[in-house]
Structure formats: structure tokens, C-alpha cells
mmCIF file of all heavy atoms, coordinates in Angstrom:
data_MODEL
# 
_entry.id   MODEL 
# 
loop_
_atom_site.group_PDB 
_atom_site.id 
_atom_site.type_symbol 
_atom_site.label_atom_id 
_atom_site.label_alt_id 
_atom_site.label_comp_id 
_atom_site.label_asym_id 
_atom_site.label_entity_id 
_atom_site.label_seq_id 
_atom_site.pdbx_PDB_ins_code 
_atom_site.Cartn_x 
_atom_site.Cartn_y 
_atom_site.Cartn_z 
_atom_site.occupancy 
_atom_site.B_iso_or_equiv 
_atom_site.pdbx_formal_charge 
_atom_site.auth_seq_id 
_atom_site.auth_comp_id 
_atom_site.auth_asym_id 
_atom_site.auth_atom_id 
_atom_site.pdbx_PDB_model_num 
ATOM 1   N N   . TYR A 1 1  ? 12.116 -2.062 -13.161 1.00 0.00 ? 1  TYR A N   1 
ATOM 2   C CA  . TYR A 1 1  ? 13.278 -2.586 -12.435 1.00 0.00 ? 1  TYR A CA  1 
ATOM 3   C C   . TYR A 1 1  ? 14.578 -2.033 -13.032 1.00 0.00 ? 1  TYR A C   1 
ATOM 4   O O   . TYR A 1 1  ? 15.530 -1.718 -12.305 1.00 0.00 ? 1  TYR A O   1 
ATOM 5   C CB  . TYR A 1 1  ? 13.284 -4.116 -12.489 1.00 0.00 ? 1  TYR A CB  1 
ATOM 6   C CG  . TYR A 1 1  ? 14.432 -4.748 -11.733 1.00 0.00 ? 1  TYR A CG  1 
ATOM 7   C CD1 . TYR A 1 1  ? 14.432 -4.807 -10.342 1.00 0.00 ? 1  TYR A CD1 1 
ATOM 8   C CD2 . TYR A 1 1  ? 15.521 -5.282 -12.417 1.00 0.00 ? 1  TYR A CD2 1 
ATOM 9   C CE1 . TYR A 1 1  ? 15.490 -5.383 -9.656  1.00 0.00 ? 1  TYR A CE1 1 
ATOM 10  C CE2 . TYR A 1 1  ? 16.584 -5.859 -11.744 1.00 0.00 ? 1  TYR A CE2 1 
ATOM 11  C CZ  . TYR A 1 1  ? 16.558 -5.907 -10.356 1.00 0.00 ? 1  TYR A CZ  1 
ATOM 12  O OH  . TYR A 1 1  ? 17.620 -6.461 -9.666  1.00 0.00 ? 1  TYR A OH  1 
ATOM 13  N N   . GLY A 1 2  ? 14.611 -1.889 -14.352 1.00 0.00 ? 2  GLY A N   1 
ATOM 14  C CA  . GLY A 1 2  ? 15.796 -1.339 -15.001 1.00 0.00 ? 2  GLY A CA  1 
ATOM 15  C C   . GLY A 1 2  ? 16.081 0.085  -14.567 1.00 0.00 ? 2  GLY A C   1 
ATOM 16  O O   . GLY A 1 2  ? 17.234 0.461  -14.331 1.00 0.00 ? 2  GLY A O   1 
ATOM 17  N N   . VAL A 1 3  ? 15.039 0.906  -14.456 1.00 0.00 ? 3  VAL A N   1 
ATOM 18  C CA  . VAL A 1 3  ? 15.209 2.286  -13.985 1.00 0.00 ? 3  VAL A CA  1 
ATOM 19  C C   . VAL A 1 3  ? 15.762 2.294  -12.568 1.00 0.00 ? 3  VAL A C   1 
ATOM 20  O O   . VAL A 1 3  ? 16.715 3.033  -12.254 1.00 0.00 ? 3  VAL A O   1 
ATOM 21  C CB  . VAL A 1 3  ? 13.873 3.056  -14.041 1.00 0.00 ? 3  VAL A CB  1 
ATOM 22  C CG1 . VAL A 1 3  ? 14.036 4.441  -13.407 1.00 0.00 ? 3  VAL A CG1 1 
ATOM 23  C CG2 . VAL A 1 3  ? 13.379 3.184  -15.473 1.00 0.00 ? 3  VAL A CG2 1 
ATOM 24  N N   . ILE A 1 4  ? 15.182 1.472  -11.694 1.00 0.00 ? 4  ILE A N   1 
ATOM 25  C CA  . ILE A 1 4  ? 15.621 1.421  -10.302 1.00 0.00 ? 4  ILE A CA  1 
ATOM 26  C C   . ILE A 1 4  ? 17.072 0.954  -10.210 1.00 0.00 ? 4  ILE A C   1 
ATOM 27  O O   . ILE A 1 4  ? 17.890 1.527  -9.469  1.00 0.00 ? 4  ILE A O   1 
ATOM 28  C CB  . ILE A 1 4  ? 14.701 0.483  -9.484  1.00 0.00 ? 4  ILE A CB  1 
ATOM 29  C CG1 . ILE A 1 4  ? 13.277 1.037  -9.448  1.00 0.00 ? 4  ILE A CG1 1 
ATOM 30  C CG2 . ILE A 1 4  ? 15.237 0.297  -8.066  1.00 0.00 ? 4  ILE A CG2 1 
ATOM 31  C CD1 . ILE A 1 4  ? 12.245 0.049  -8.918  1.00 0.00 ? 4  ILE A CD1 1 
ATOM 32  N N   . THR A 1 5  ? 17.408 -0.075 -11.000 1.00 0.00 ? 5  THR A N   1 
ATOM 33  C CA  . THR A 1 5  ? 18.771 -0.615 -10.996 1.00 0.00 ? 5  THR A CA  1 
ATOM 34  C C   . THR A 1 5  ? 19.777 0.443  -11.431 1.00 0.00 ? 5  THR A C   1 
ATOM 35  O O   . THR A 1 5  ? 20.845 0.605  -10.820 1.00 0.00 ? 5  THR A O   1 
ATOM 36  C CB  . THR A 1 5  ? 18.849 -1.845 -11.927 1.00 0.00 ? 5  THR A CB  1 
ATOM 37  O OG1 . THR A 1 5  ? 17.940 -2.846 -11.471 1.00 0.00 ? 5  THR A OG1 1 
ATOM 38  C CG2 . THR A 1 5  ? 20.261 -2.420 -11.947 1.00 0.00 ? 5  THR A CG2 1 
ATOM 39  N N   . GLU A 1 6  ? 19.445 1.174  -12.507 1.00 0.00 ? 6  GLU A N   1 
ATOM 40  C CA  . GLU A 1 6  ? 20.349 2.217  -12.993 1.00 0.00 ? 6  GLU A CA  1 
ATOM 41  C C   . GLU A 1 6  ? 20.462 3.353  -11.981 1.00 0.00 ? 6  GLU A C   1 
ATOM 42  O O   . GLU A 1 6  ? 21.552 3.905  -11.762 1.00 0.00 ? 6  GLU A O   1 
ATOM 43  C CB  . GLU A 1 6  ? 19.854 2.753  -14.337 1.00 0.00 ? 6  GLU A CB  1 
ATOM 44  C CG  . GLU A 1 6  ? 20.766 3.784  -14.986 1.00 0.00 ? 6  GLU A CG  1 
ATOM 45  C CD  . GLU A 1 6  ? 22.129 3.229  -15.364 1.00 0.00 ? 6  GLU A CD  1 
ATOM 46  O OE1 . GLU A 1 6  ? 22.243 2.004  -15.607 1.00 0.00 ? 6  GLU A OE1 1 
ATOM 47  O OE2 . GLU A 1 6  ? 23.094 4.023  -15.415 1.00 0.00 ? 6  GLU A OE2 1 
ATOM 48  N N   . ALA A 1 7  ? 19.362 3.701  -11.335 1.00 0.00 ? 7  ALA A N   1 
ATOM 49  C CA  . ALA A 1 7  ? 19.375 4.792  -10.344 1.00 0.00 ? 7  ALA A CA  1 
ATOM 50  C C   . ALA A 1 7  ? 20.323 4.479  -9.190  1.00 0.00 ? 7  ALA A C   1 
ATOM 51  O O   . ALA A 1 7  ? 20.989 5.382  -8.663  1.00 0.00 ? 7  ALA A O   1 
ATOM 52  C CB  . ALA A 1 7  ? 17.962 5.032  -9.822  1.00 0.00 ? 7  ALA A CB  1 
ATOM 53  N N   . LYS A 1 8  ? 20.392 3.219  -8.811  1.00 0.00 ? 8  LYS A N   1 
ATOM 54  C CA  . LYS A 1 8  ? 21.257 2.826  -7.697  1.00 0.00 ? 8  LYS A CA  1 
ATOM 55  C C   . LYS A 1 8  ? 22.738 3.012  -8.022  1.00 0.00 ? 8  LYS A C   1 
ATOM 56  O O   . LYS A 1 8  ? 23.570 3.049  -7.126  1.00 0.00 ? 8  LYS A O   1 
ATOM 57  C CB  . LYS A 1 8  ? 20.991 1.364  -7.313  1.00 0.00 ? 8  LYS A CB  1 
ATOM 58  C CG  . LYS A 1 8  ? 19.649 1.150  -6.615  1.00 0.00 ? 8  LYS A CG  1 
ATOM 59  C CD  . LYS A 1 8  ? 19.460 -0.324 -6.259  1.00 0.00 ? 8  LYS A CD  1 
ATOM 60  C CE  . LYS A 1 8  ? 18.182 -0.552 -5.478  1.00 0.00 ? 8  LYS A CE  1 
ATOM 61  N NZ  . LYS A 1 8  ? 17.997 -1.978 -5.128  1.00 0.00 ? 8  LYS A NZ  1 
ATOM 62  N N   . ARG A 1 9  ? 23.065 3.128  -9.288  1.00 0.00 ? 9  ARG A N   1 
ATOM 63  C CA  . ARG A 1 9  ? 24.458 3.328  -9.707  1.00 0.00 ? 9  ARG A CA  1 
ATOM 64  C C   . ARG A 1 9  ? 24.866 4.800  -9.618  1.00 0.00 ? 9  ARG A C   1 
ATOM 65  O O   . ARG A 1 9  ? 26.019 5.142  -9.875  1.00 0.00 ? 9  ARG A O   1 
ATOM 66  C CB  . ARG A 1 9  ? 24.652 2.824  -11.135 1.00 0.00 ? 9  ARG A CB  1 
ATOM 67  C CG  . ARG A 1 9  ? 24.340 1.341  -11.335 1.00 0.00 ? 9  ARG A CG  1 
ATOM 68  C CD  . ARG A 1 9  ? 24.601 0.906  -12.773 1.00 0.00 ? 9  ARG A CD  1 
ATOM 69  N NE  . ARG A 1 9  ? 24.287 -0.510 -12.956 1.00 0.00 ? 9  ARG A NE  1 
ATOM 70  C CZ  . ARG A 1 9  ? 23.425 -0.986 -13.843 1.00 0.00 ? 9  ARG A CZ  1 
ATOM 71  N NH1 . ARG A 1 9  ? 22.801 -0.153 -14.666 1.00 0.00 ? 9  ARG A NH1 1 
ATOM 72  N NH2 . ARG A 1 9  ? 23.194 -2.284 -13.938 1.00 0.00 ? 9  ARG A NH2 1 
ATOM 73  N N   . HIS A 1 10 ? 23.903 5.668  -9.306  1.00 0.00 ? 10 HIS A N   1 
ATOM 74  C CA  . HIS A 1 10 ? 24.163 7.110  -9.322  1.00 0.00 ? 10 HIS A CA  1 
ATOM 75  C C   . HIS A 1 10 ? 23.814 7.718  -7.962  1.00 0.00 ? 10 HIS A C   1 
ATOM 76  O O   . HIS A 1 10 ? 22.632 7.902  -7.645  1.00 0.00 ? 10 HIS A O   1 
ATOM 77  C CB  . HIS A 1 10 ? 23.338 7.772  -10.430 1.00 0.00 ? 10 HIS A CB  1 
ATOM 78  C CG  . HIS A 1 10 ? 23.658 7.255  -11.801 1.00 0.00 ? 10 HIS A CG  1 
ATOM 79  N ND1 . HIS A 1 10 ? 24.666 7.779  -12.577 1.00 0.00 ? 10 HIS A ND1 1 
ATOM 80  C CD2 . HIS A 1 10 ? 23.115 6.237  -12.518 1.00 0.00 ? 10 HIS A CD2 1 
ATOM 81  C CE1 . HIS A 1 10 ? 24.724 7.118  -13.726 1.00 0.00 ? 10 HIS A CE1 1 
ATOM 82  N NE2 . HIS A 1 10 ? 23.797 6.170  -13.714 1.00 0.00 ? 10 HIS A NE2 1 
ATOM 83  N N   . PRO A 1 11 ? 24.809 8.038  -7.164  1.00 0.00 ? 11 PRO A N   1 
ATOM 84  C CA  . PRO A 1 11 ? 24.561 8.563  -5.816  1.00 0.00 ? 11 PRO A CA  1 
ATOM 85  C C   . PRO A 1 11 ? 23.816 9.895  -5.814  1.00 0.00 ? 11 PRO A C   1 
ATOM 86  O O   . PRO A 1 11 ? 23.230 10.269 -4.795  1.00 0.00 ? 11 PRO A O   1 
ATOM 87  C CB  . PRO A 1 11 ? 25.970 8.718  -5.230  1.00 0.00 ? 11 PRO A CB  1 
ATOM 88  C CG  . PRO A 1 11 ? 26.901 8.705  -6.401  1.00 0.00 ? 11 PRO A CG  1 
ATOM 89  C CD  . PRO A 1 11 ? 26.250 7.869  -7.433  1.00 0.00 ? 11 PRO A CD  1 
ATOM 90  N N   . GLU A 1 12 ? 23.801 10.589 -6.950  1.00 0.00 ? 12 GLU A N   1 
ATOM 91  C CA  . GLU A 1 12 ? 23.082 11.870 -6.997  1.00 0.00 ? 12 GLU A CA  1 
ATOM 92  C C   . GLU A 1 12 ? 21.560 11.683 -7.051  1.00 0.00 ? 12 GLU A C   1 
ATOM 93  O O   . GLU A 1 12 ? 20.807 12.638 -6.898  1.00 0.00 ? 12 GLU A O   1 
ATOM 94  C CB  . GLU A 1 12 ? 23.547 12.709 -8.195  1.00 0.00 ? 12 GLU A CB  1 
ATOM 95  C CG  . GLU A 1 12 ? 23.194 12.175 -9.567  1.00 0.00 ? 12 GLU A CG  1 
ATOM 96  C CD  . GLU A 1 12 ? 24.229 11.218 -10.156 1.00 0.00 ? 12 GLU A CD  1 
ATOM 97  O OE1 . GLU A 1 12 ? 24.947 10.563 -9.381  1.00 0.00 ? 12 GLU A OE1 1 
ATOM 98  O OE2 . GLU A 1 12 ? 24.303 11.143 -11.396 1.00 0.00 ? 12 GLU A OE2 1 
ATOM 99  N N   . ILE A 1 13 ? 21.118 10.424 -7.280  1.00 0.00 ? 13 ILE A N   1 
ATOM 100 C CA  . ILE A 1 13 ? 19.682 10.125 -7.274  1.00 0.00 ? 13 ILE A CA  1 
ATOM 101 C C   . ILE A 1 13 ? 19.261 9.746  -5.853  1.00 0.00 ? 13 ILE A C   1 
ATOM 102 O O   . ILE A 1 13 ? 19.770 8.787  -5.287  1.00 0.00 ? 13 ILE A O   1 
ATOM 103 C CB  . ILE A 1 13 ? 19.333 8.976  -8.246  1.00 0.00 ? 13 ILE A CB  1 
ATOM 104 C CG1 . ILE A 1 13 ? 19.715 9.336  -9.679  1.00 0.00 ? 13 ILE A CG1 1 
ATOM 105 C CG2 . ILE A 1 13 ? 17.844 8.628  -8.153  1.00 0.00 ? 13 ILE A CG2 1 
ATOM 106 C CD1 . ILE A 1 13 ? 18.979 10.519 -10.241 1.00 0.00 ? 13 ILE A CD1 1 
ATOM 107 N N   . GLU A 1 14 ? 18.343 10.495 -5.309  1.00 0.00 ? 14 GLU A N   1 
ATOM 108 C CA  . GLU A 1 14 ? 17.875 10.234 -3.942  1.00 0.00 ? 14 GLU A CA  1 
ATOM 109 C C   . GLU A 1 14 ? 16.659 9.318  -3.915  1.00 0.00 ? 14 GLU A C   1 
ATOM 110 O O   . GLU A 1 14 ? 16.583 8.402  -3.092  1.00 0.00 ? 14 GLU A O   1 
ATOM 111 C CB  . GLU A 1 14 ? 17.523 11.554 -3.249  1.00 0.00 ? 14 GLU A CB  1 
ATOM 112 C CG  . GLU A 1 14 ? 17.149 11.391 -1.777  1.00 0.00 ? 14 GLU A CG  1 
ATOM 113 C CD  . GLU A 1 14 ? 17.021 12.729 -1.073  1.00 0.00 ? 14 GLU A CD  1 
ATOM 114 O OE1 . GLU A 1 14 ? 16.650 13.730 -1.728  1.00 0.00 ? 14 GLU A OE1 1 
ATOM 115 O OE2 . GLU A 1 14 ? 17.301 12.778 0.134   1.00 0.00 ? 14 GLU A OE2 1 
ATOM 116 N N   . SER A 1 15 ? 15.703 9.547  -4.822  1.00 0.00 ? 15 SER A N   1 
ATOM 117 C CA  . SER A 1 15 ? 14.472 8.761  -4.832  1.00 0.00 ? 15 SER A CA  1 
ATOM 118 C C   . SER A 1 15 ? 14.062 8.428  -6.257  1.00 0.00 ? 15 SER A C   1 
ATOM 119 O O   . SER A 1 15 ? 14.278 9.216  -7.182  1.00 0.00 ? 15 SER A O   1 
ATOM 120 C CB  . SER A 1 15 ? 13.317 9.525  -4.166  1.00 0.00 ? 15 SER A CB  1 
ATOM 121 O OG  . SER A 1 15 ? 13.604 9.799  -2.810  1.00 0.00 ? 15 SER A OG  1 
ATOM 122 N N   . VAL A 1 16 ? 13.480 7.245  -6.418  1.00 0.00 ? 16 VAL A N   1 
ATOM 123 C CA  . VAL A 1 16 ? 12.809 6.877  -7.667  1.00 0.00 ? 16 VAL A CA  1 
ATOM 124 C C   . VAL A 1 16 ? 11.339 6.714  -7.331  1.00 0.00 ? 16 VAL A C   1 
ATOM 125 O O   . VAL A 1 16 ? 10.938 5.758  -6.676  1.00 0.00 ? 16 VAL A O   1 
ATOM 126 C CB  . VAL A 1 16 ? 13.365 5.574  -8.270  1.00 0.00 ? 16 VAL A CB  1 
ATOM 127 C CG1 . VAL A 1 16 ? 12.532 5.166  -9.497  1.00 0.00 ? 16 VAL A CG1 1 
ATOM 128 C CG2 . VAL A 1 16 ? 14.826 5.726  -8.667  1.00 0.00 ? 16 VAL A CG2 1 
ATOM 129 N N   . TYR A 1 17 ? 10.549 7.685  -7.756  1.00 0.00 ? 17 TYR A N   1 
ATOM 130 C CA  . TYR A 1 17 ? 9.120  7.633  -7.474  1.00 0.00 ? 17 TYR A CA  1 
ATOM 131 C C   . TYR A 1 17 ? 8.383  6.853  -8.563  1.00 0.00 ? 17 TYR A C   1 
ATOM 132 O O   . TYR A 1 17 ? 8.695  6.959  -9.747  1.00 0.00 ? 17 TYR A O   1 
ATOM 133 C CB  . TYR A 1 17 ? 8.531  9.045  -7.413  1.00 0.00 ? 17 TYR A CB  1 
ATOM 134 C CG  . TYR A 1 17 ? 8.962  9.853  -6.220  1.00 0.00 ? 17 TYR A CG  1 
ATOM 135 C CD1 . TYR A 1 17 ? 9.739  10.998 -6.383  1.00 0.00 ? 17 TYR A CD1 1 
ATOM 136 C CD2 . TYR A 1 17 ? 8.590  9.483  -4.926  1.00 0.00 ? 17 TYR A CD2 1 
ATOM 137 C CE1 . TYR A 1 17 ? 10.136 11.763 -5.297  1.00 0.00 ? 17 TYR A CE1 1 
ATOM 138 C CE2 . TYR A 1 17 ? 8.982  10.238 -3.826  1.00 0.00 ? 17 TYR A CE2 1 
ATOM 139 C CZ  . TYR A 1 17 ? 9.754  11.368 -4.015  1.00 0.00 ? 17 TYR A CZ  1 
ATOM 140 O OH  . TYR A 1 17 ? 10.146 12.124 -2.925  1.00 0.00 ? 17 TYR A OH  1 
ATOM 141 N N   . GLY A 1 18 ? 7.394  6.082  -8.133  1.00 0.00 ? 18 GLY A N   1 
ATOM 142 C CA  . GLY A 1 18 ? 6.449  5.473  -9.054  1.00 0.00 ? 18 GLY A CA  1 
ATOM 143 C C   . GLY A 1 18 ? 5.126  6.201  -8.910  1.00 0.00 ? 18 GLY A C   1 
ATOM 144 O O   . GLY A 1 18 ? 4.657  6.411  -7.783  1.00 0.00 ? 18 GLY A O   1 
ATOM 145 N N   . ALA A 1 19 ? 4.539  6.611  -10.039 1.00 0.00 ? 19 ALA A N   1 
ATOM 146 C CA  . ALA A 1 19 ? 3.227  7.258  -9.992  1.00 0.00 ? 19 ALA A CA  1 
ATOM 147 C C   . ALA A 1 19 ? 2.171  6.159  -9.845  1.00 0.00 ? 19 ALA A C   1 
ATOM 148 O O   . ALA A 1 19 ? 1.993  5.348  -10.753 1.00 0.00 ? 19 ALA A O   1 
ATOM 149 C CB  . ALA A 1 19 ? 2.982  8.072  -11.253 1.00 0.00 ? 19 ALA A CB  1 
ATOM 150 N N   . ILE A 1 20 ? 1.506  6.115  -8.712  1.00 0.00 ? 20 ILE A N   1 
ATOM 151 C CA  . ILE A 1 20 ? 0.533  5.059  -8.445  1.00 0.00 ? 20 ILE A CA  1 
ATOM 152 C C   . ILE A 1 20 ? -0.763 5.353  -9.213  1.00 0.00 ? 20 ILE A C   1 
ATOM 153 O O   . ILE A 1 20 ? -1.436 6.341  -8.960  1.00 0.00 ? 20 ILE A O   1 
ATOM 154 C CB  . ILE A 1 20 ? 0.248  4.938  -6.934  1.00 0.00 ? 20 ILE A CB  1 
ATOM 155 C CG1 . ILE A 1 20 ? 1.552  4.693  -6.153  1.00 0.00 ? 20 ILE A CG1 1 
ATOM 156 C CG2 . ILE A 1 20 ? -0.757 3.819  -6.667  1.00 0.00 ? 20 ILE A CG2 1 
ATOM 157 C CD1 . ILE A 1 20 ? 2.316  3.448  -6.572  1.00 0.00 ? 20 ILE A CD1 1 
ATOM 158 N N   . GLY A 1 21 ? -1.064 4.470  -10.164 1.00 0.00 ? 21 GLY A N   1 
ATOM 159 C CA  . GLY A 1 21 ? -2.283 4.644  -10.953 1.00 0.00 ? 21 GLY A CA  1 
ATOM 160 C C   . GLY A 1 21 ? -2.104 5.435  -12.225 1.00 0.00 ? 21 GLY A C   1 
ATOM 161 O O   . GLY A 1 21 ? -3.056 6.039  -12.722 1.00 0.00 ? 21 GLY A O   1 
ATOM 162 N N   . GLY A 1 22 ? -0.910 5.452  -12.784 1.00 0.00 ? 22 GLY A N   1 
ATOM 163 C CA  . GLY A 1 22 ? -0.688 6.102  -14.071 1.00 0.00 ? 22 GLY A CA  1 
ATOM 164 C C   . GLY A 1 22 ? -0.643 7.622  -13.997 1.00 0.00 ? 22 GLY A C   1 
ATOM 165 O O   . GLY A 1 22 ? -0.298 8.207  -12.963 1.00 0.00 ? 22 GLY A O   1 
ATOM 166 N N   . MET A 1 23 ? -1.008 8.276  -15.080 1.00 0.00 ? 23 MET A N   1 
ATOM 167 C CA  . MET A 1 23 ? -0.925 9.737  -15.160 1.00 0.00 ? 23 MET A CA  1 
ATOM 168 C C   . MET A 1 23 ? -1.771 10.413 -14.079 1.00 0.00 ? 23 MET A C   1 
ATOM 169 O O   . MET A 1 23 ? -1.399 11.465 -13.557 1.00 0.00 ? 23 MET A O   1 
ATOM 170 C CB  . MET A 1 23 ? -1.375 10.218 -16.543 1.00 0.00 ? 23 MET A CB  1 
ATOM 171 C CG  . MET A 1 23 ? -0.376 9.971  -17.655 1.00 0.00 ? 23 MET A CG  1 
ATOM 172 S SD  . MET A 1 23 ? 1.249  10.713 -17.335 1.00 0.00 ? 23 MET A SD  1 
ATOM 173 C CE  . MET A 1 23 ? 0.795  12.428 -17.099 1.00 0.00 ? 23 MET A CE  1 
ATOM 174 N N   . GLU A 1 24 ? -2.879 9.817  -13.745 1.00 0.00 ? 24 GLU A N   1 
ATOM 175 C CA  . GLU A 1 24 ? -3.720 10.373 -12.685 1.00 0.00 ? 24 GLU A CA  1 
ATOM 176 C C   . GLU A 1 24 ? -2.964 10.410 -11.366 1.00 0.00 ? 24 GLU A C   1 
ATOM 177 O O   . GLU A 1 24 ? -3.183 11.282 -10.524 1.00 0.00 ? 24 GLU A O   1 
ATOM 178 C CB  . GLU A 1 24 ? -4.996 9.549  -12.547 1.00 0.00 ? 24 GLU A CB  1 
ATOM 179 C CG  . GLU A 1 24 ? -6.073 10.201 -11.701 1.00 0.00 ? 24 GLU A CG  1 
ATOM 180 C CD  . GLU A 1 24 ? -7.378 9.440  -11.736 1.00 0.00 ? 24 GLU A CD  1 
ATOM 181 O OE1 . GLU A 1 24 ? -7.422 8.334  -12.337 1.00 0.00 ? 24 GLU A OE1 1 
ATOM 182 O OE2 . GLU A 1 24 ? -8.360 9.938  -11.168 1.00 0.00 ? 24 GLU A OE2 1 
ATOM 183 N N   . GLY A 1 25 ? -2.029 9.458  -11.193 1.00 0.00 ? 25 GLY A N   1 
ATOM 184 C CA  . GLY A 1 25 ? -1.218 9.412  -9.984  1.00 0.00 ? 25 GLY A CA  1 
ATOM 185 C C   . GLY A 1 25 ? -0.304 10.613 -9.850  1.00 0.00 ? 25 GLY A C   1 
ATOM 186 O O   . GLY A 1 25 ? 0.015  11.044 -8.735  1.00 0.00 ? 25 GLY A O   1 
ATOM 187 N N   . ILE A 1 26 ? 0.141  11.169 -10.988 1.00 0.00 ? 26 ILE A N   1 
ATOM 188 C CA  . ILE A 1 26 ? 0.950  12.392 -10.936 1.00 0.00 ? 26 ILE A CA  1 
ATOM 189 C C   . ILE A 1 26 ? 0.074  13.571 -10.523 1.00 0.00 ? 26 ILE A C   1 
ATOM 190 O O   . ILE A 1 26 ? 0.408  14.335 -9.621  1.00 0.00 ? 26 ILE A O   1 
ATOM 191 C CB  . ILE A 1 26 ? 1.612  12.691 -12.297 1.00 0.00 ? 26 ILE A CB  1 
ATOM 192 C CG1 . ILE A 1 26 ? 2.523  11.544 -12.720 1.00 0.00 ? 26 ILE A CG1 1 
ATOM 193 C CG2 . ILE A 1 26 ? 2.411  13.994 -12.214 1.00 0.00 ? 26 ILE A CG2 1 
ATOM 194 C CD1 . ILE A 1 26 ? 3.187  11.756 -14.070 1.00 0.00 ? 26 ILE A CD1 1 
# 
């Protein structure tokens, strides 16, 4: 949530991706 909150303060950030299922998700 902290990452998402901080990202919203920066218009240059378009997306915050979450890797579904850990490293395997990447």
C-alpha cells in the first residue's frame, strides 16, 4: 500500500504492477 500511495504522488508513474505469485509471477 505504501508503494501504491507514493506512486500516486508522481504523475510520471503510469502503472504499479504486482507480480502475482512471487518471483515466478515475473
